Amino acid sequence: MTRIPDPKSESAKPGGVRVPDAALPEVAEAPPPWDLHGEGCIILLRQTAASPTLPTATDAEFAGGPAIVMFVDYAESPVGPYRELLYIPGRFLFGGTRAWSIGRIFVSTWESVVNGRRNWGIPKDRADFERQAQGAGRERIQLRVDGRLLASLDISRKGPTLPFPGWLLGSGMRTLTQDYAGRRYTLAPTASGKARYARVHELSLSGADFGALDASNVIAATWIPAFRMRFPEARISALAGPGGSEG
């Protein structure tokens, strides 16, 4: 099993980002909506008592799990191909409305980092990704920042591929809310595609970045071999008090 040490001094604070906005490189703007195509996996996990990496928010109360870890390999997007690993601790109450909120997210390009923060308040940071085929439909996915391993996922898929009609989920179950840099961003992405059963053989995560979760917390997993997703323009409002964080 892959063991990942957690030097606290090298980790972003919960809900924060590793690289502040002022230090980001200049990239071309890519305004919403974004239409994306790719593949990836969705893993549902039981939340632990020590749950950790909660989104920075002024008044968001944690409303319970499950937690979600997602790996996505985007083949097409307005900023080109990129990879992504994200962690959602669960749902939160934003002004009395329940919504998912991303606590930690890493992507493979600066174009995705900068535009993700600008368009939707998503606290993206950049990392290096590696996908290694293990044979028999199994592969290992690893994520590193400055050469340090932060996540390792060993996953296989099998069984029939079935349609995944994302429209069956109402907007309430798709709503994503992010508090970032004094603003609240709310949107409801849409997605459709195909899905098949997946088994998580190993899940090792930096606890300081993703919370105290591993393969023993997995409830279910699915592999999405082909999907299309739309990220619409967010509804943006100013927060009443200090909110969001730039690290």
C-alpha atoms as a PDB file:
ATOM      1  CA  MET A   1       0.000   0.000   0.000  1.00  0.00           C
ATOM      2  CA  THR A   2       1.257   3.491  -0.843  1.00  0.00           C
ATOM      3  CA  ARG A   3       1.914   5.561   2.289  1.00  0.00           C
ATOM      4  CA  ILE A   4       1.752   9.322   1.996  1.00  0.00           C
ATOM      5  CA  PRO A   5       3.450  11.423   4.692  1.00  0.00           C
ATOM      6  CA  ASP A   6       1.752  14.653   5.729  1.00  0.00           C
ATOM      7  CA  PRO A   7       4.216  17.443   6.446  1.00  0.00           C
ATOM      8  CA  LYS A   8       1.764  20.111   7.596  1.00  0.00           C
ATOM      9  CA  SER A   9       4.057  22.965   6.639  1.00  0.00           C
ATOM     10  CA  GLU A  10       3.791  22.043   2.953  1.00  0.00           C
ATOM     11  CA  SER A  11       0.019  21.814   2.793  1.00  0.00           C
ATOM     12  CA  ALA A  12      -2.504  24.483   2.002  1.00  0.00           C
ATOM     13  CA  LYS A  13      -4.715  25.372   4.927  1.00  0.00           C
ATOM     14  CA  PRO A  14      -8.191  23.794   4.833  1.00  0.00           C
ATOM     15  CA  GLY A  15     -10.291  25.519   2.213  1.00  0.00           C
ATOM     16  CA  GLY A  16      -7.343  27.585   1.059  1.00  0.00           C
ATOM     17  CA  VAL A  17      -5.077  27.337  -1.962  1.00  0.00           C
ATOM     18  CA  ARG A  18      -1.365  26.663  -2.265  1.00  0.00           C
ATOM     19  CA  VAL A  19      -0.652  29.422  -4.769  1.00  0.00           C
ATOM     20  CA  PRO A  20      -2.385  32.779  -4.052  1.00  0.00           C
ATOM     21  CA  ASP A  21      -4.158  34.581  -6.866  1.00  0.00           C
ATOM     22  CA  ALA A  22      -1.488  37.283  -6.989  1.00  0.00           C
ATOM     23  CA  ALA A  23       1.166  34.680  -7.837  1.00  0.00           C
ATOM     24  CA  LEU A  24      -0.736  32.985 -10.672  1.00  0.00           C
ATOM     25  CA  PRO A  25       0.648  33.211 -14.213  1.00  0.00           C
ATOM     26  CA  GLU A  26      -1.171  35.177 -16.902  1.00  0.00           C
ATOM     27  CA  VAL A  27      -3.267  32.975 -19.187  1.00  0.00           C
ATOM     28  CA  ALA A  28      -5.909  33.567 -21.842  1.00  0.00           C
ATOM     29  CA  GLU A  29      -9.398  34.118 -20.459  1.00  0.00           C
ATOM     30  CA  ALA A  30     -11.923  31.349 -21.097  1.00  0.00           C
ATOM     31  CA  PRO A  31     -15.323  32.581 -19.893  1.00  0.00           C
ATOM     32  CA  PRO A  32     -18.284  30.271 -19.243  1.00  0.00           C
ATOM     33  CA  PRO A  33     -20.102  28.274 -20.302  1.00  0.00           C
ATOM     34  CA  TRP A  34     -17.614  25.427 -20.667  1.00  0.00           C
ATOM     35  CA  ASP A  35     -18.488  22.312 -22.652  1.00  0.00           C
ATOM     36  CA  LEU A  36     -16.217  19.416 -21.699  1.00  0.00           C
ATOM     37  CA  HIS A  37     -15.713  15.829 -22.840  1.00  0.00           C
ATOM     38  CA  GLY A  38     -13.655  13.087 -21.227  1.00  0.00           C
ATOM     39  CA  GLU A  39     -13.545  10.103 -18.873  1.00  0.00           C
ATOM     40  CA  GLY A  40     -13.027   9.525 -15.176  1.00  0.00           C
ATOM     41  CA  CYS A  41     -14.323   7.986 -11.967  1.00  0.00           C
ATOM     42  CA  ILE A  42     -16.595   8.970  -9.097  1.00  0.00           C
ATOM     43  CA  ILE A  43     -15.970   7.502  -5.634  1.00  0.00           C
ATOM     44  CA  LEU A  44     -18.440   7.878  -2.767  1.00  0.00           C
ATOM     45  CA  LEU A  45     -16.967   7.606   0.731  1.00  0.00           C
ATOM     46  CA  ARG A  46     -18.209   7.506   4.312  1.00  0.00           C
ATOM     47  CA  GLN A  47     -17.188  10.705   6.041  1.00  0.00           C
ATOM     48  CA  THR A  48     -14.877  10.355   9.039  1.00  0.00           C
ATOM     49  CA  ALA A  49     -15.162  12.048  12.395  1.00  0.00           C
ATOM     50  CA  ALA A  50     -12.019  14.051  11.701  1.00  0.00           C
ATOM     51  CA  SER A  51     -13.117  15.558   8.498  1.00  0.00           C
ATOM     52  CA  PRO A  52     -11.146  18.070   7.447  1.00  0.00           C
ATOM     53  CA  THR A  53     -10.707  20.009   4.368  1.00  0.00           C
ATOM     54  CA  LEU A  54     -13.904  22.004   4.478  1.00  0.00           C
ATOM     55  CA  PRO A  55     -14.544  24.804   1.999  1.00  0.00           C
ATOM     56  CA  THR A  56     -13.781  28.269   3.289  1.00  0.00           C
ATOM     57  CA  ALA A  57     -17.127  29.972   3.873  1.00  0.00           C
ATOM     58  CA  THR A  58     -18.615  32.677   6.048  1.00  0.00           C
ATOM     59  CA  ASP A  59     -21.694  30.822   7.281  1.00  0.00           C
ATOM     60  CA  ALA A  60     -21.731  27.436   5.574  1.00  0.00           C
ATOM     61  CA  GLU A  61     -22.724  24.719   8.021  1.00  0.00           C
ATOM     62  CA  PHE A  62     -21.673  21.152   7.219  1.00  0.00           C
ATOM     63  CA  ALA A  63     -24.840  19.166   6.387  1.00  0.00           C
ATOM     64  CA  GLY A  64     -23.374  15.681   6.077  1.00  0.00           C
ATOM     65  CA  GLY A  65     -21.857  13.279   3.583  1.00  0.00           C
ATOM     66  CA  PRO A  66     -21.167  11.261   1.652  1.00  0.00           C
ATOM     67  CA  ALA A  67     -17.785  12.604   0.681  1.00  0.00           C
ATOM     68  CA  ILE A  68     -16.825  12.414  -2.993  1.00  0.00           C
ATOM     69  CA  VAL A  69     -13.453  11.926  -4.663  1.00  0.00           C
ATOM     70  CA  MET A  70     -13.378  12.339  -8.433  1.00  0.00           C
ATOM     71  CA  PHE A  71     -10.646  11.824 -11.005  1.00  0.00           C
ATOM     72  CA  VAL A  72     -11.337  13.300 -14.431  1.00  0.00           C
ATOM     73  CA  ASP A  73      -9.297  13.223 -17.631  1.00  0.00           C
ATOM     74  CA  TYR A  74     -10.728  15.922 -19.903  1.00  0.00           C
ATOM     75  CA  ALA A  75      -9.974  15.266 -23.558  1.00  0.00           C
ATOM     76  CA  GLU A  76     -11.683  18.487 -24.659  1.00  0.00           C
ATOM     77  CA  SER A  77     -12.328  21.782 -22.889  1.00  0.00           C
ATOM     78  CA  PRO A  78     -12.125  25.508 -23.703  1.00  0.00           C
ATOM     79  CA  VAL A  79      -8.613  25.498 -22.193  1.00  0.00           C
ATOM     80  CA  GLY A  80      -7.481  22.273 -23.859  1.00  0.00           C
ATOM     81  CA  PRO A  81      -7.004  18.784 -22.368  1.00  0.00           C
ATOM     82  CA  TYR A  82      -6.246  18.525 -18.651  1.00  0.00           C
ATOM     83  CA  ARG A  83      -6.558  16.179 -15.698  1.00  0.00           C
ATOM     84  CA  GLU A  84      -8.236  16.784 -12.362  1.00  0.00           C
ATOM     85  CA  LEU A  85      -8.580  15.258  -8.895  1.00  0.00           C
ATOM     86  CA  LEU A  86     -11.085  16.792  -6.498  1.00  0.00           C
ATOM     87  CA  TYR A  87     -12.474  16.210  -3.028  1.00  0.00           C
ATOM     88  CA  ILE A  88     -15.955  17.202  -1.884  1.00  0.00           C
ATOM     89  CA  PRO A  89     -16.412  16.711   1.898  1.00  0.00           C
ATOM     90  CA  GLY A  90     -20.209  16.588   1.536  1.00  0.00           C
ATOM     91  CA  ARG A  91     -23.060  19.067   1.391  1.00  0.00           C
ATOM     92  CA  PHE A  92     -23.317  22.397   3.206  1.00  0.00           C
ATOM     93  CA  LEU A  93     -26.032  24.861   4.150  1.00  0.00           C
ATOM     94  CA  PHE A  94     -25.580  28.125   2.286  1.00  0.00           C
ATOM     95  CA  GLY A  95     -28.211  30.544   3.502  1.00  0.00           C
ATOM     96  CA  GLY A  96     -30.518  27.621   4.245  1.00  0.00           C
ATOM     97  CA  THR A  97     -29.936  25.907   0.875  1.00  0.00           C
ATOM     98  CA  ARG A  98     -28.057  22.608   0.675  1.00  0.00           C
ATOM     99  CA  ALA A  99     -25.281  22.432  -1.899  1.00  0.00           C
ATOM    100  CA  TRP A 100     -22.108  20.515  -2.635  1.00  0.00           C
ATOM    101  CA  SER A 101     -18.850  22.437  -2.264  1.00  0.00           C
ATOM    102  CA  ILE A 102     -15.348  21.501  -3.382  1.00  0.00           C
ATOM    103  CA  GLY A 103     -12.823  21.477  -0.547  1.00  0.00           C
ATOM    104  CA  ARG A 104      -9.670  20.595  -2.477  1.00  0.00           C
ATOM    105  CA  ILE A 105      -8.958  20.310  -6.195  1.00  0.00           C
ATOM    106  CA  PHE A 106      -5.824  19.835  -8.278  1.00  0.00           C
ATOM    107  CA  VAL A 107      -5.578  20.142 -12.070  1.00  0.00           C
ATOM    108  CA  SER A 108      -2.736  19.654 -14.518  1.00  0.00           C
ATOM    109  CA  THR A 109      -2.664  23.077 -16.259  1.00  0.00           C
ATOM    110  CA  TRP A 110      -2.429  26.700 -15.175  1.00  0.00           C
ATOM    111  CA  GLU A 111      -5.107  27.610 -17.723  1.00  0.00           C
ATOM    112  CA  SER A 112      -7.586  25.488 -15.791  1.00  0.00           C
ATOM    113  CA  VAL A 113      -6.392  26.840 -12.414  1.00  0.00           C
ATOM    114  CA  VAL A 114      -6.743  30.518 -13.315  1.00  0.00           C
ATOM    115  CA  ASN A 115     -10.035  30.278 -15.188  1.00  0.00           C
ATOM    116  CA  GLY A 116     -11.572  27.895 -12.646  1.00  0.00           C
ATOM    117  CA  ARG A 117     -10.978  30.400  -9.855  1.00  0.00           C
ATOM    118  CA  ARG A 118     -12.069  33.363 -11.982  1.00  0.00           C
ATOM    119  CA  ASN A 119     -15.269  31.836 -13.407  1.00  0.00           C
ATOM    120  CA  TRP A 120     -16.629  29.764 -10.501  1.00  0.00           C
ATOM    121  CA  GLY A 121     -14.540  30.432  -7.377  1.00  0.00           C
ATOM    122  CA  ILE A 122     -13.230  26.868  -7.515  1.00  0.00           C
ATOM    123  CA  PRO A 123     -10.000  26.744  -5.429  1.00  0.00           C
ATOM    124  CA  LYS A 124      -7.857  24.968  -8.023  1.00  0.00           C
ATOM    125  CA  ASP A 125      -4.138  24.325  -7.654  1.00  0.00           C
ATOM    126  CA  ARG A 126      -1.747  22.786 -10.189  1.00  0.00           C
ATOM    127  CA  ALA A 127      -0.234  19.297  -9.896  1.00  0.00           C
ATOM    128  CA  ASP A 128       1.471  16.657 -12.021  1.00  0.00           C
ATOM    129  CA  PHE A 129      -0.575  13.558 -12.892  1.00  0.00           C
ATOM    130  CA  GLU A 130       0.459  10.072 -14.006  1.00  0.00           C
ATOM    131  CA  ARG A 131      -1.742   7.239 -15.295  1.00  0.00           C
ATOM    132  CA  GLN A 132      -0.203   3.751 -15.377  1.00  0.00           C
ATOM    133  CA  ALA A 133      -1.998   0.756 -16.913  1.00  0.00           C
ATOM    134  CA  GLN A 134      -1.777  -2.316 -14.637  1.00  0.00           C
ATOM    135  CA  GLY A 135      -3.494  -4.774 -16.989  1.00  0.00           C
ATOM    136  CA  ALA A 136      -6.915  -6.458 -16.862  1.00  0.00           C
ATOM    137  CA  GLY A 137      -8.765  -3.124 -16.874  1.00  0.00           C
ATOM    138  CA  ARG A 138      -6.849  -1.880 -13.844  1.00  0.00           C
ATOM    139  CA  GLU A 139      -4.774   1.273 -13.571  1.00  0.00           C
ATOM    140  CA  ARG A 140      -2.926   3.447 -11.076  1.00  0.00           C
ATOM    141  CA  ILE A 141      -3.392   7.206 -10.972  1.00  0.00           C
ATOM    142  CA  GLN A 142      -0.974   9.354  -8.999  1.00  0.00           C
ATOM    143  CA  LEU A 143      -0.754  13.066  -8.243  1.00  0.00           C
ATOM    144  CA  ARG A 144       2.352  14.992  -7.211  1.00  0.00           C
ATOM    145  CA  VAL A 145       3.053  18.598  -6.270  1.00  0.00           C
ATOM    146  CA  ASP A 146       6.692  19.693  -6.458  1.00  0.00           C
ATOM    147  CA  GLY A 147       7.642  16.035  -6.685  1.00  0.00           C
ATOM    148  CA  ARG A 148       5.801  15.040  -3.488  1.00  0.00           C
ATOM    149  CA  LEU A 149       3.132  12.366  -3.763  1.00  0.00           C
ATOM    150  CA  LEU A 150      -0.270  13.622  -2.537  1.00  0.00           C
ATOM    151  CA  ALA A 151      -2.647  11.000  -3.933  1.00  0.00           C
ATOM    152  CA  SER A 152      -2.507   7.452  -5.287  1.00  0.00           C
ATOM    153  CA  LEU A 153      -5.528   5.595  -6.653  1.00  0.00           C
ATOM    154  CA  ASP A 154      -5.522   1.978  -7.849  1.00  0.00           C
ATOM    155  CA  ILE A 155      -8.828   1.241  -9.600  1.00  0.00           C
ATOM    156  CA  SER A 156     -10.314  -1.327 -11.978  1.00  0.00           C
ATOM    157  CA  ARG A 157     -13.538  -1.439 -13.948  1.00  0.00           C
ATOM    158  CA  LYS A 158     -15.643  -4.313 -15.222  1.00  0.00           C
ATOM    159  CA  GLY A 159     -19.130  -5.251 -16.242  1.00  0.00           C
ATOM    160  CA  PRO A 160     -21.447  -3.720 -18.842  1.00  0.00           C
ATOM    161  CA  THR A 161     -21.388  -0.065 -19.829  1.00  0.00           C
ATOM    162  CA  LEU A 162     -24.762   1.545 -19.192  1.00  0.00           C
ATOM    163  CA  PRO A 163     -26.182   4.953 -20.121  1.00  0.00           C
ATOM    164  CA  PHE A 164     -25.846   7.640 -17.465  1.00  0.00           C
ATOM    165  CA  PRO A 165     -28.688  10.134 -17.993  1.00  0.00           C
ATOM    166  CA  GLY A 166     -27.539  13.050 -15.866  1.00  0.00           C
ATOM    167  CA  TRP A 167     -30.801  14.880 -16.470  1.00  0.00           C
ATOM    168  CA  LEU A 168     -32.445  12.496 -13.964  1.00  0.00           C
ATOM    169  CA  LEU A 169     -30.726  14.446 -11.184  1.00  0.00           C
ATOM    170  CA  GLY A 170     -32.637  17.600 -10.336  1.00  0.00           C
ATOM    171  CA  SER A 171     -30.778  20.897 -10.066  1.00  0.00           C
ATOM    172  CA  GLY A 172     -30.897  20.620  -6.256  1.00  0.00           C
ATOM    173  CA  MET A 173     -28.688  17.528  -6.367  1.00  0.00           C
ATOM    174  CA  ARG A 174     -26.338  19.154  -8.897  1.00  0.00           C
ATOM    175  CA  THR A 175     -25.951  22.537  -7.209  1.00  0.00           C
ATOM    176  CA  LEU A 176     -22.390  23.549  -6.424  1.00  0.00           C
ATOM    177  CA  THR A 177     -21.624  26.574  -4.249  1.00  0.00           C
ATOM    178  CA  GLN A 178     -18.172  28.034  -3.660  1.00  0.00           C
ATOM    179  CA  ASP A 179     -17.199  30.907  -1.353  1.00  0.00           C
ATOM    180  CA  TYR A 180     -13.977  32.426  -2.622  1.00  0.00           C
ATOM    181  CA  ALA A 181     -12.233  35.786  -2.301  1.00  0.00           C
ATOM    182  CA  GLY A 182     -15.265  37.561  -0.856  1.00  0.00           C
ATOM    183  CA  ARG A 183     -17.757  36.196  -3.373  1.00  0.00           C
ATOM    184  CA  ARG A 184     -20.268  33.368  -3.478  1.00  0.00           C
ATOM    185  CA  TYR A 185     -20.529  31.396  -6.732  1.00  0.00           C
ATOM    186  CA  THR A 186     -23.537  29.122  -7.334  1.00  0.00           C
ATOM    187  CA  LEU A 187     -24.114  26.909 -10.377  1.00  0.00           C
ATOM    188  CA  ALA A 188     -25.682  23.613 -11.437  1.00  0.00           C
ATOM    189  CA  PRO A 189     -23.502  21.711 -13.942  1.00  0.00           C
ATOM    190  CA  THR A 190     -25.112  19.156 -16.254  1.00  0.00           C
ATOM    191  CA  ALA A 191     -23.612  15.890 -17.500  1.00  0.00           C
ATOM    192  CA  SER A 192     -24.493  12.774 -19.472  1.00  0.00           C
ATOM    193  CA  GLY A 193     -22.610   9.745 -20.706  1.00  0.00           C
ATOM    194  CA  LYS A 194     -21.983   6.094 -19.901  1.00  0.00           C
ATOM    195  CA  ALA A 195     -20.968   4.347 -16.684  1.00  0.00           C
ATOM    196  CA  ARG A 196     -19.723   0.979 -15.489  1.00  0.00           C
ATOM    197  CA  TYR A 197     -18.883  -0.640 -12.159  1.00  0.00           C
ATOM    198  CA  ALA A 198     -15.502   0.205 -10.637  1.00  0.00           C
ATOM    199  CA  ARG A 199     -13.552  -1.307  -7.741  1.00  0.00           C
ATOM    200  CA  VAL A 200     -11.105   0.727  -5.669  1.00  0.00           C
ATOM    201  CA  HIS A 201      -8.140  -1.480  -4.717  1.00  0.00           C
ATOM    202  CA  GLU A 202      -6.146   1.297  -3.082  1.00  0.00           C
ATOM    203  CA  LEU A 203      -6.788   4.917  -2.191  1.00  0.00           C
ATOM    204  CA  SER A 204      -4.019   6.806  -0.415  1.00  0.00           C
ATOM    205  CA  LEU A 205      -4.482  10.531   0.127  1.00  0.00           C
ATOM    206  CA  SER A 206      -2.635  13.325   1.874  1.00  0.00           C
ATOM    207  CA  GLY A 207      -4.772  13.807   4.982  1.00  0.00           C
ATOM    208  CA  ALA A 208      -3.897  17.501   5.169  1.00  0.00           C
ATOM    209  CA  ASP A 209      -5.280  18.021   1.662  1.00  0.00           C
ATOM    210  CA  PHE A 210      -8.084  15.482   1.310  1.00  0.00           C
ATOM    211  CA  GLY A 211      -9.095  14.482   4.831  1.00  0.00           C
ATOM    212  CA  ALA A 212      -8.572  11.196   6.667  1.00  0.00           C
ATOM    213  CA  LEU A 213     -10.007   8.938   3.949  1.00  0.00           C
ATOM    214  CA  ASP A 214      -8.779   5.712   2.342  1.00  0.00           C
ATOM    215  CA  ALA A 215     -10.131   2.615   0.572  1.00  0.00           C
ATOM    216  CA  SER A 216     -11.826   1.399   3.781  1.00  0.00           C
ATOM    217  CA  ASN A 217     -14.186   4.403   3.550  1.00  0.00           C
ATOM    218  CA  VAL A 218     -15.399   3.591   0.025  1.00  0.00           C
ATOM    219  CA  ILE A 219     -19.153   3.067  -0.337  1.00  0.00           C
ATOM    220  CA  ALA A 220     -19.311   2.723  -4.113  1.00  0.00           C
ATOM    221  CA  ALA A 221     -17.384   3.671  -7.230  1.00  0.00           C
ATOM    222  CA  THR A 222     -18.184   4.020 -10.903  1.00  0.00           C
ATOM    223  CA  TRP A 223     -16.055   4.556 -13.988  1.00  0.00           C
ATOM    224  CA  ILE A 224     -17.375   6.974 -16.614  1.00  0.00           C
ATOM    225  CA  PRO A 225     -15.671   5.968 -19.889  1.00  0.00           C
ATOM    226  CA  ALA A 226     -17.235   8.799 -21.886  1.00  0.00           C
ATOM    227  CA  PHE A 227     -19.163  11.854 -20.728  1.00  0.00           C
ATOM    228  CA  ARG A 228     -20.154  15.322 -21.797  1.00  0.00           C
ATOM    229  CA  MET A 229     -20.505  18.074 -19.245  1.00  0.00           C
ATOM    230  CA  ARG A 230     -21.496  21.725 -19.265  1.00  0.00           C
ATOM    231  CA  PHE A 231     -20.348  24.202 -16.633  1.00  0.00           C
ATOM    232  CA  PRO A 232     -22.674  27.218 -16.955  1.00  0.00           C
ATOM    233  CA  GLU A 233     -22.097  30.784 -15.879  1.00  0.00           C
ATOM    234  CA  ALA A 234     -22.300  31.078 -12.102  1.00  0.00           C
ATOM    235  CA  ARG A 235     -24.642  33.290 -10.147  1.00  0.00           C
ATOM    236  CA  ILE A 236     -22.233  35.528  -8.199  1.00  0.00           C
ATOM    237  CA  SER A 237     -22.968  37.570  -5.103  1.00  0.00           C
ATOM    238  CA  ALA A 238     -20.808  39.467  -2.627  1.00  0.00           C
ATOM    239  CA  LEU A 239     -20.391  37.979   0.821  1.00  0.00           C
ATOM    240  CA  ALA A 240     -21.509  40.112   3.744  1.00  0.00           C
ATOM    241  CA  GLY A 241     -18.283  39.539   5.682  1.00  0.00           C
ATOM    242  CA  PRO A 242     -14.789  38.190   5.026  1.00  0.00           C
ATOM    243  CA  GLY A 243     -15.197  35.070   2.933  1.00  0.00           C
ATOM    244  CA  GLY A 244     -13.210  32.817   0.704  1.00  0.00           C
ATOM    245  CA  SER A 245      -9.485  32.536   0.812  1.00  0.00           C
ATOM    246  CA  GLU A 246      -6.562  33.025  -1.484  1.00  0.00           C
ATOM    247  CA  GLY A 247      -4.142  31.063   0.665  1.00  0.00           C
END
